[in-house]
Amino acid sequence: MTSPHLHRIYWRLWLALLLLTAVLARLADTLAPGPLLLTLALGGAWLKGMLVAEHYMGLRRAPLWLRAAVHGWLLLVCGGILLTFLPELP
């Protein structure tokens, strides 16, 4: 059973993720396509993925090797996408 304190933490985290998504969407509408926008979008995706894995998937209490594997995979995917698109940008 979860405590009311945990419910507040999860709701605040959910609201923070929602706010981060809204800010990144707003930036995508206002900034010109380029390396800055791509870096901000992928950095936000990495941050949201990390927060979801840590808090909602229970990775905070997982062994260090598992945490490192999940965070490394997330960093590899976001970094790979960034490296893929950077040469094509003006």
PDB file of N, CA and C in Angstrom:
ATOM      1  N   MET A   1       0.845  -1.172   0.000  1.00  0.00           N
ATOM      2  CA  MET A   1       0.000   0.000   0.000  1.00  0.00           C
ATOM      3  C   MET A   1       0.895   1.241   0.000  1.00  0.00           C
ATOM      4  N   THR A   2       0.511   2.242  -0.753  1.00  0.00           N
ATOM      5  CA  THR A   2       1.317   3.459  -0.823  1.00  0.00           C
ATOM      6  C   THR A   2       0.748   4.509   0.113  1.00  0.00           C
ATOM      7  N   SER A   3       1.636   5.338   0.594  1.00  0.00           N
ATOM      8  CA  SER A   3       1.220   6.383   1.531  1.00  0.00           C
ATOM      9  C   SER A   3       0.754   7.623   0.773  1.00  0.00           C
ATOM     10  N   PRO A   4      -0.001   8.489   1.443  1.00  0.00           N
ATOM     11  CA  PRO A   4      -0.416   9.748   0.801  1.00  0.00           C
ATOM     12  C   PRO A   4       0.787  10.596   0.381  1.00  0.00           C
ATOM     13  N   HIS A   5       1.886  10.474   1.133  1.00  0.00           N
ATOM     14  CA  HIS A   5       3.099  11.221   0.775  1.00  0.00           C
ATOM     15  C   HIS A   5       3.611  10.789  -0.599  1.00  0.00           C
ATOM     16  N   LEU A   6       3.620   9.478  -0.867  1.00  0.00           N
ATOM     17  CA  LEU A   6       4.067   8.988  -2.167  1.00  0.00           C
ATOM     18  C   LEU A   6       3.129   9.436  -3.277  1.00  0.00           C
ATOM     19  N   HIS A   7       1.844   9.466  -2.994  1.00  0.00           N
ATOM     20  CA  HIS A   7       0.890   9.938  -4.000  1.00  0.00           C
ATOM     21  C   HIS A   7       1.187  11.381  -4.388  1.00  0.00           C
ATOM     22  N   ARG A   8       1.507  12.218  -3.401  1.00  0.00           N
ATOM     23  CA  ARG A   8       1.847  13.622  -3.696  1.00  0.00           C
ATOM     24  C   ARG A   8       3.118  13.709  -4.536  1.00  0.00           C
ATOM     25  N   ILE A   9       4.093  12.891  -4.215  1.00  0.00           N
ATOM     26  CA  ILE A   9       5.340  12.901  -4.985  1.00  0.00           C
ATOM     27  C   ILE A   9       5.073  12.485  -6.426  1.00  0.00           C
ATOM     28  N   TYR A  10       4.298  11.429  -6.617  1.00  0.00           N
ATOM     29  CA  TYR A  10       4.021  10.962  -7.966  1.00  0.00           C
ATOM     30  C   TYR A  10       3.202  11.976  -8.753  1.00  0.00           C
ATOM     31  N   TRP A  11       2.246  12.628  -8.110  1.00  0.00           N
ATOM     32  CA  TRP A  11       1.468  13.657  -8.797  1.00  0.00           C
ATOM     33  C   TRP A  11       2.344  14.840  -9.172  1.00  0.00           C
ATOM     34  N   ARG A  12       3.240  15.256  -8.287  1.00  0.00           N
ATOM     35  CA  ARG A  12       4.146  16.370  -8.612  1.00  0.00           C
ATOM     36  C   ARG A  12       5.074  15.998  -9.749  1.00  0.00           C
ATOM     37  N   LEU A  13       5.580  14.789  -9.728  1.00  0.00           N
ATOM     38  CA  LEU A  13       6.452  14.342 -10.805  1.00  0.00           C
ATOM     39  C   LEU A  13       5.690  14.283 -12.118  1.00  0.00           C
ATOM     40  N   TRP A  14       4.471  13.777 -12.077  1.00  0.00           N
ATOM     41  CA  TRP A  14       3.651  13.711 -13.289  1.00  0.00           C
ATOM     42  C   TRP A  14       3.403  15.115 -13.827  1.00  0.00           C
ATOM     43  N   LEU A  15       3.101  16.056 -12.956  1.00  0.00           N
ATOM     44  CA  LEU A  15       2.895  17.432 -13.401  1.00  0.00           C
ATOM     45  C   LEU A  15       4.181  18.038 -13.969  1.00  0.00           C
ATOM     46  N   ALA A  16       5.327  17.724 -13.370  1.00  0.00           N
ATOM     47  CA  ALA A  16       6.604  18.217 -13.889  1.00  0.00           C
ATOM     48  C   ALA A  16       6.884  17.642 -15.277  1.00  0.00           C
ATOM     49  N   LEU A  17       6.589  16.365 -15.474  1.00  0.00           N
ATOM     50  CA  LEU A  17       6.761  15.763 -16.794  1.00  0.00           C
ATOM     51  C   LEU A  17       5.824  16.401 -17.816  1.00  0.00           C
ATOM     52  N   LEU A  18       4.614  16.670 -17.408  1.00  0.00           N
ATOM     53  CA  LEU A  18       3.650  17.326 -18.286  1.00  0.00           C
ATOM     54  C   LEU A  18       4.112  18.732 -18.649  1.00  0.00           C
ATOM     55  N   LEU A  19       4.612  19.466 -17.668  1.00  0.00           N
ATOM     56  CA  LEU A  19       5.116  20.810 -17.911  1.00  0.00           C
ATOM     57  C   LEU A  19       6.332  20.789 -18.841  1.00  0.00           C
ATOM     58  N   LEU A  20       7.237  19.853 -18.633  1.00  0.00           N
ATOM     59  CA  LEU A  20       8.401  19.730 -19.494  1.00  0.00           C
ATOM     60  C   LEU A  20       7.984  19.423 -20.930  1.00  0.00           C
ATOM     61  N   THR A  21       7.012  18.565 -21.095  1.00  0.00           N
ATOM     62  CA  THR A  21       6.500  18.257 -22.430  1.00  0.00           C
ATOM     63  C   THR A  21       5.897  19.494 -23.079  1.00  0.00           C
ATOM     64  N   ALA A  22       5.127  20.266 -22.326  1.00  0.00           N
ATOM     65  CA  ALA A  22       4.519  21.486 -22.868  1.00  0.00           C
ATOM     66  C   ALA A  22       5.583  22.516 -23.245  1.00  0.00           C
ATOM     67  N   VAL A  23       6.603  22.664 -22.421  1.00  0.00           N
ATOM     68  CA  VAL A  23       7.684  23.621 -22.722  1.00  0.00           C
ATOM     69  C   VAL A  23       8.426  23.197 -23.980  1.00  0.00           C
ATOM     70  N   LEU A  24       8.734  21.922 -24.105  1.00  0.00           N
ATOM     71  CA  LEU A  24       9.433  21.445 -25.291  1.00  0.00           C
ATOM     72  C   LEU A  24       8.573  21.583 -26.548  1.00  0.00           C
ATOM     73  N   ALA A  25       7.275  21.352 -26.425  1.00  0.00           N
ATOM     74  CA  ALA A  25       6.382  21.534 -27.569  1.00  0.00           C
ATOM     75  C   ALA A  25       6.314  23.002 -27.976  1.00  0.00           C
ATOM     76  N   ARG A  26       6.280  23.880 -26.997  1.00  0.00           N
ATOM     77  CA  ARG A  26       6.263  25.327 -27.286  1.00  0.00           C
ATOM     78  C   ARG A  26       7.564  25.761 -27.961  1.00  0.00           C
ATOM     79  N   LEU A  27       8.688  25.241 -27.479  1.00  0.00           N
ATOM     80  CA  LEU A  27       9.962  25.551 -28.125  1.00  0.00           C
ATOM     81  C   LEU A  27       9.999  25.056 -29.562  1.00  0.00           C
ATOM     82  N   ALA A  28       9.426  23.903 -29.808  1.00  0.00           N
ATOM     83  CA  ALA A  28       9.395  23.359 -31.167  1.00  0.00           C
ATOM     84  C   ALA A  28       8.580  24.248 -32.099  1.00  0.00           C
ATOM     85  N   ASP A  29       7.580  24.938 -31.555  1.00  0.00           N
ATOM     86  CA  ASP A  29       6.778  25.847 -32.371  1.00  0.00           C
ATOM     87  C   ASP A  29       7.461  27.187 -32.604  1.00  0.00           C
ATOM     88  N   THR A  30       8.299  27.619 -31.664  1.00  0.00           N
ATOM     89  CA  THR A  30       8.864  28.962 -31.762  1.00  0.00           C
ATOM     90  C   THR A  30      10.281  28.991 -32.328  1.00  0.00           C
ATOM     91  N   LEU A  31      11.082  27.989 -32.051  1.00  0.00           N
ATOM     92  CA  LEU A  31      12.458  27.992 -32.542  1.00  0.00           C
ATOM     93  C   LEU A  31      12.532  27.463 -33.962  1.00  0.00           C
ATOM     94  N   ALA A  32      13.496  27.991 -34.709  1.00  0.00           N
ATOM     95  CA  ALA A  32      13.744  27.468 -36.049  1.00  0.00           C
ATOM     96  C   ALA A  32      14.403  26.100 -35.933  1.00  0.00           C
ATOM     97  N   PRO A  33      14.095  25.206 -36.859  1.00  0.00           N
ATOM     98  CA  PRO A  33      14.747  23.893 -36.812  1.00  0.00           C
ATOM     99  C   PRO A  33      16.265  24.054 -36.902  1.00  0.00           C
ATOM    100  N   GLY A  34      16.957  23.363 -36.042  1.00  0.00           N
ATOM    101  CA  GLY A  34      18.405  23.452 -36.028  1.00  0.00           C
ATOM    102  C   GLY A  34      18.988  22.633 -34.902  1.00  0.00           C
ATOM    103  N   PRO A  35      20.297  22.712 -34.741  1.00  0.00           N
ATOM    104  CA  PRO A  35      20.960  21.907 -33.709  1.00  0.00           C
ATOM    105  C   PRO A  35      20.498  22.233 -32.293  1.00  0.00           C
ATOM    106  N   LEU A  36      20.187  23.501 -32.023  1.00  0.00           N
ATOM    107  CA  LEU A  36      19.742  23.871 -30.678  1.00  0.00           C
ATOM    108  C   LEU A  36      18.411  23.208 -30.343  1.00  0.00           C
ATOM    109  N   LEU A  37      17.472  23.294 -31.241  1.00  0.00           N
ATOM    110  CA  LEU A  37      16.160  22.681 -31.007  1.00  0.00           C
ATOM    111  C   LEU A  37      16.283  21.172 -30.874  1.00  0.00           C
ATOM    112  N   LEU A  38      17.087  20.562 -31.731  1.00  0.00           N
ATOM    113  CA  LEU A  38      17.269  19.118 -31.669  1.00  0.00           C
ATOM    114  C   LEU A  38      17.898  18.697 -30.345  1.00  0.00           C
ATOM    115  N   THR A  39      18.897  19.435 -29.913  1.00  0.00           N
ATOM    116  CA  THR A  39      19.559  19.123 -28.653  1.00  0.00           C
ATOM    117  C   THR A  39      18.613  19.301 -27.471  1.00  0.00           C
ATOM    118  N   LEU A  40      17.832  20.369 -27.475  1.00  0.00           N
ATOM    119  CA  LEU A  40      16.863  20.588 -26.395  1.00  0.00           C
ATOM    120  C   LEU A  40      15.795  19.498 -26.372  1.00  0.00           C
ATOM    121  N   ALA A  41      15.287  19.130 -27.541  1.00  0.00           N
ATOM    122  CA  ALA A  41      14.236  18.110 -27.611  1.00  0.00           C
ATOM    123  C   ALA A  41      14.753  16.753 -27.136  1.00  0.00           C
ATOM    124  N   LEU A  42      15.936  16.372 -27.590  1.00  0.00           N
ATOM    125  CA  LEU A  42      16.473  15.075 -27.171  1.00  0.00           C
ATOM    126  C   LEU A  42      16.940  15.096 -25.720  1.00  0.00           C
ATOM    127  N   GLY A  43      17.431  16.229 -25.260  1.00  0.00           N
ATOM    128  CA  GLY A  43      17.778  16.345 -23.847  1.00  0.00           C
ATOM    129  C   GLY A  43      16.540  16.217 -22.972  1.00  0.00           C
ATOM    130  N   GLY A  44      15.442  16.826 -23.402  1.00  0.00           N
ATOM    131  CA  GLY A  44      14.186  16.699 -22.668  1.00  0.00           C
ATOM    132  C   GLY A  44      13.661  15.272 -22.694  1.00  0.00           C
ATOM    133  N   ALA A  45      13.792  14.612 -23.839  1.00  0.00           N
ATOM    134  CA  ALA A  45      13.361  13.215 -23.937  1.00  0.00           C
ATOM    135  C   ALA A  45      14.190  12.326 -23.011  1.00  0.00           C
ATOM    136  N   TRP A  46      15.503  12.593 -22.961  1.00  0.00           N
ATOM    137  CA  TRP A  46      16.367  11.824 -22.068  1.00  0.00           C
ATOM    138  C   TRP A  46      15.982  12.053 -20.605  1.00  0.00           C
ATOM    139  N   LEU A  47      15.741  13.315 -20.248  1.00  0.00           N
ATOM    140  CA  LEU A  47      15.369  13.638 -18.871  1.00  0.00           C
ATOM    141  C   LEU A  47      14.043  12.984 -18.492  1.00  0.00           C
ATOM    142  N   LYS A  48      13.064  13.063 -19.376  1.00  0.00           N
ATOM    143  CA  LYS A  48      11.775  12.442 -19.079  1.00  0.00           C
ATOM    144  C   LYS A  48      11.909  10.929 -18.973  1.00  0.00           C
ATOM    145  N   GLY A  49      12.682  10.324 -19.858  1.00  0.00           N
ATOM    146  CA  GLY A  49      12.895   8.879 -19.785  1.00  0.00           C
ATOM    147  C   GLY A  49      13.574   8.469 -18.497  1.00  0.00           C
ATOM    148  N   MET A  50      14.553   9.263 -18.084  1.00  0.00           N
ATOM    149  CA  MET A  50      15.258   8.973 -16.839  1.00  0.00           C
ATOM    150  C   MET A  50      14.312   9.076 -15.638  1.00  0.00           C
ATOM    151  N   LEU A  51      13.490  10.119 -15.609  1.00  0.00           N
ATOM    152  CA  LEU A  51      12.562  10.290 -14.488  1.00  0.00           C
ATOM    153  C   LEU A  51      11.518   9.183 -14.438  1.00  0.00           C
ATOM    154  N   VAL A  52      11.005   8.800 -15.594  1.00  0.00           N
ATOM    155  CA  VAL A  52      10.019   7.719 -15.630  1.00  0.00           C
ATOM    156  C   VAL A  52      10.656   6.411 -15.159  1.00  0.00           C
ATOM    157  N   ALA A  53      11.859   6.121 -15.646  1.00  0.00           N
ATOM    158  CA  ALA A  53      12.526   4.875 -15.239  1.00  0.00           C
ATOM    159  C   ALA A  53      12.836   4.877 -13.747  1.00  0.00           C
ATOM    160  N   GLU A  54      13.322   5.988 -13.241  1.00  0.00           N
ATOM    161  CA  GLU A  54      13.709   6.056 -11.832  1.00  0.00           C
ATOM    162  C   GLU A  54      12.507   5.970 -10.887  1.00  0.00           C
ATOM    163  N   HIS A  55      11.464   6.700 -11.188  1.00  0.00           N
ATOM    164  CA  HIS A  55      10.368   6.826 -10.234  1.00  0.00           C
ATOM    165  C   HIS A  55       9.204   5.873 -10.497  1.00  0.00           C
ATOM    166  N   TYR A  56       8.767   5.770 -11.744  1.00  0.00           N
ATOM    167  CA  TYR A  56       7.583   4.959 -12.005  1.00  0.00           C
ATOM    168  C   TYR A  56       7.909   3.493 -12.253  1.00  0.00           C
ATOM    169  N   MET A  57       9.118   3.200 -12.715  1.00  0.00           N
ATOM    170  CA  MET A  57       9.495   1.812 -12.965  1.00  0.00           C
ATOM    171  C   MET A  57      10.284   1.220 -11.797  1.00  0.00           C
ATOM    172  N   GLY A  58      10.522   2.009 -10.769  1.00  0.00           N
ATOM    173  CA  GLY A  58      11.186   1.511  -9.578  1.00  0.00           C
ATOM    174  C   GLY A  58      12.677   1.270  -9.734  1.00  0.00           C
ATOM    175  N   LEU A  59      13.309   1.967 -10.649  1.00  0.00           N
ATOM    176  CA  LEU A  59      14.734   1.754 -10.882  1.00  0.00           C
ATOM    177  C   LEU A  59      15.600   2.306  -9.751  1.00  0.00           C
ATOM    178  N   ARG A  60      15.035   3.171  -8.932  1.00  0.00           N
ATOM    179  CA  ARG A  60      15.815   3.731  -7.816  1.00  0.00           C
ATOM    180  C   ARG A  60      16.294   2.660  -6.856  1.00  0.00           C
ATOM    181  N   ARG A  61      15.530   1.602  -6.725  1.00  0.00           N
ATOM    182  CA  ARG A  61      15.882   0.544  -5.787  1.00  0.00           C
ATOM    183  C   ARG A  61      16.512  -0.659  -6.480  1.00  0.00           C
ATOM    184  N   ALA A  62      16.780  -0.530  -7.758  1.00  0.00           N
ATOM    185  CA  ALA A  62      17.363  -1.633  -8.526  1.00  0.00           C
ATOM    186  C   ALA A  62      18.873  -1.688  -8.309  1.00  0.00           C
ATOM    187  N   PRO A  63      19.484  -2.817  -8.617  1.00  0.00           N
ATOM    188  CA  PRO A  63      20.944  -2.915  -8.513  1.00  0.00           C
ATOM    189  C   PRO A  63      21.631  -1.911  -9.441  1.00  0.00           C
ATOM    190  N   LEU A  64      22.829  -1.540  -9.078  1.00  0.00           N
ATOM    191  CA  LEU A  64      23.564  -0.527  -9.820  1.00  0.00           C
ATOM    192  C   LEU A  64      23.775  -0.926 -11.281  1.00  0.00           C
ATOM    193  N   TRP A  65      24.061  -2.204 -11.542  1.00  0.00           N
ATOM    194  CA  TRP A  65      24.309  -2.630 -12.912  1.00  0.00           C
ATOM    195  C   TRP A  65      23.066  -2.450 -13.780  1.00  0.00           C
ATOM    196  N   LEU A  66      21.887  -2.667 -13.203  1.00  0.00           N
ATOM    197  CA  LEU A  66      20.654  -2.517 -13.957  1.00  0.00           C
ATOM    198  C   LEU A  66      20.358  -1.040 -14.229  1.00  0.00           C
ATOM    199  N   ARG A  67      20.577  -0.212 -13.232  1.00  0.00           N
ATOM    200  CA  ARG A  67      20.400   1.230 -13.423  1.00  0.00           C
ATOM    201  C   ARG A  67      21.344   1.747 -14.500  1.00  0.00           C
ATOM    202  N   ALA A  68      22.613   1.314 -14.434  1.00  0.00           N
ATOM    203  CA  ALA A  68      23.593   1.752 -15.426  1.00  0.00           C
ATOM    204  C   ALA A  68      23.202   1.280 -16.823  1.00  0.00           C
ATOM    205  N   ALA A  69      22.698   0.074 -16.937  1.00  0.00           N
ATOM    206  CA  ALA A  69      22.293  -0.450 -18.245  1.00  0.00           C
ATOM    207  C   ALA A  69      21.122   0.348 -18.822  1.00  0.00           C
ATOM    208  N   VAL A  70      20.129   0.643 -18.007  1.00  0.00           N
ATOM    209  CA  VAL A  70      18.960   1.389 -18.493  1.00  0.00           C
ATOM    210  C   VAL A  70      19.344   2.817 -18.855  1.00  0.00           C
ATOM    211  N   HIS A  71      20.106   3.487 -17.996  1.00  0.00           N
ATOM    212  CA  HIS A  71      20.518   4.863 -18.299  1.00  0.00           C
ATOM    213  C   HIS A  71      21.480   4.905 -19.486  1.00  0.00           C
ATOM    214  N   GLY A  72      22.341   3.919 -19.600  1.00  0.00           N
ATOM    215  CA  GLY A  72      23.239   3.849 -20.749  1.00  0.00           C
ATOM    216  C   GLY A  72      22.483   3.636 -22.038  1.00  0.00           C
ATOM    217  N   TRP A  73      21.476   2.755 -22.006  1.00  0.00           N
ATOM    218  CA  TRP A  73      20.653   2.518 -23.198  1.00  0.00           C
ATOM    219  C   TRP A  73      19.929   3.795 -23.605  1.00  0.00           C
ATOM    220  N   LEU A  74      19.367   4.497 -22.636  1.00  0.00           N
ATOM    221  CA  LEU A  74      18.646   5.732 -22.925  1.00  0.00           C
ATOM    222  C   LEU A  74      19.587   6.785 -23.510  1.00  0.00           C
ATOM    223  N   LEU A  75      20.768   6.909 -22.947  1.00  0.00           N
ATOM    224  CA  LEU A  75      21.760   7.849 -23.451  1.00  0.00           C
ATOM    225  C   LEU A  75      22.226   7.451 -24.851  1.00  0.00           C
ATOM    226  N   LEU A  76      22.413   6.168 -25.089  1.00  0.00           N
ATOM    227  CA  LEU A  76      22.831   5.685 -26.399  1.00  0.00           C
ATOM    228  C   LEU A  76      21.784   5.984 -27.467  1.00  0.00           C
ATOM    229  N   VAL A  77      20.525   5.755 -27.158  1.00  0.00           N
ATOM    230  CA  VAL A  77      19.455   6.018 -28.127  1.00  0.00           C
ATOM    231  C   VAL A  77      19.344   7.511 -28.430  1.00  0.00           C
ATOM    232  N   CYS A  78      19.290   8.337 -27.387  1.00  0.00           N
ATOM    233  CA  CYS A  78      19.172   9.785 -27.609  1.00  0.00           C
ATOM    234  C   CYS A  78      20.416  10.337 -28.308  1.00  0.00           C
ATOM    235  N   GLY A  79      21.597   9.887 -27.904  1.00  0.00           N
ATOM    236  CA  GLY A  79      22.827  10.330 -28.565  1.00  0.00           C
ATOM    237  C   GLY A  79      22.909   9.863 -30.010  1.00  0.00           C
ATOM    238  N   GLY A  80      22.470   8.651 -30.272  1.00  0.00           N
ATOM    239  CA  GLY A  80      22.457   8.139 -31.652  1.00  0.00           C
ATOM    240  C   GLY A  80      21.530   8.939 -32.543  1.00  0.00           C
ATOM    241  N   ILE A  81      20.367   9.285 -32.037  1.00  0.00           N
ATOM    242  CA  ILE A  81      19.441  10.111 -32.819  1.00  0.00           C
ATOM    243  C   ILE A  81      20.042  11.480 -33.069  1.00  0.00           C
ATOM    244  N   LEU A  82      20.660  12.057 -32.053  1.00  0.00           N
ATOM    245  CA  LEU A  82      21.294  13.364 -32.198  1.00  0.00           C
ATOM    246  C   LEU A  82      22.395  13.314 -33.261  1.00  0.00           C
ATOM    247  N   LEU A  83      23.246  12.313 -33.207  1.00  0.00           N
ATOM    248  CA  LEU A  83      24.324  12.194 -34.194  1.00  0.00           C
ATOM    249  C   LEU A  83      23.802  11.910 -35.598  1.00  0.00           C
ATOM    250  N   THR A  84      22.663  11.248 -35.685  1.00  0.00           N
ATOM    251  CA  THR A  84      22.086  10.949 -36.986  1.00  0.00           C
ATOM    252  C   THR A  84      21.567  12.207 -37.676  1.00  0.00           C
ATOM    253  N   PHE A  85      20.943  13.086 -36.917  1.00  0.00           N
ATOM    254  CA  PHE A  85      20.315  14.253 -37.519  1.00  0.00           C
ATOM    255  C   PHE A  85      21.216  15.477 -37.630  1.00  0.00           C
ATOM    256  N   LEU A  86      22.259  15.593 -36.843  1.00  0.00           N
ATOM    257  CA  LEU A  86      23.092  16.783 -36.871  1.00  0.00           C
ATOM    258  C   LEU A  86      23.735  17.066 -38.221  1.00  0.00           C
ATOM    259  N   PRO A  87      24.273  16.074 -38.954  1.00  0.00           N
ATOM    260  CA  PRO A  87      24.877  16.392 -40.247  1.00  0.00           C
ATOM    261  C   PRO A  87      23.877  16.919 -41.278  1.00  0.00           C
ATOM    262  N   GLU A  88      22.594  16.607 -41.141  1.00  0.00           N
ATOM    263  CA  GLU A  88      21.596  17.036 -42.119  1.00  0.00           C
ATOM    264  C   GLU A  88      21.069  18.440 -41.861  1.00  0.00           C
ATOM    265  N   LEU A  89      21.342  18.993 -40.707  1.00  0.00           N
ATOM    266  CA  LEU A  89      20.822  20.305 -40.377  1.00  0.00           C
ATOM    267  C   LEU A  89      21.640  21.396 -41.056  1.00  0.00           C
ATOM    268  N   PRO A  90      20.973  22.507 -41.393  1.00  0.00           N
ATOM    269  CA  PRO A  90      21.692  23.609 -42.061  1.00  0.00           C
ATOM    270  C   PRO A  90      22.648  24.314 -41.136  1.00  0.00           C
TER     271      PRO A  90
END
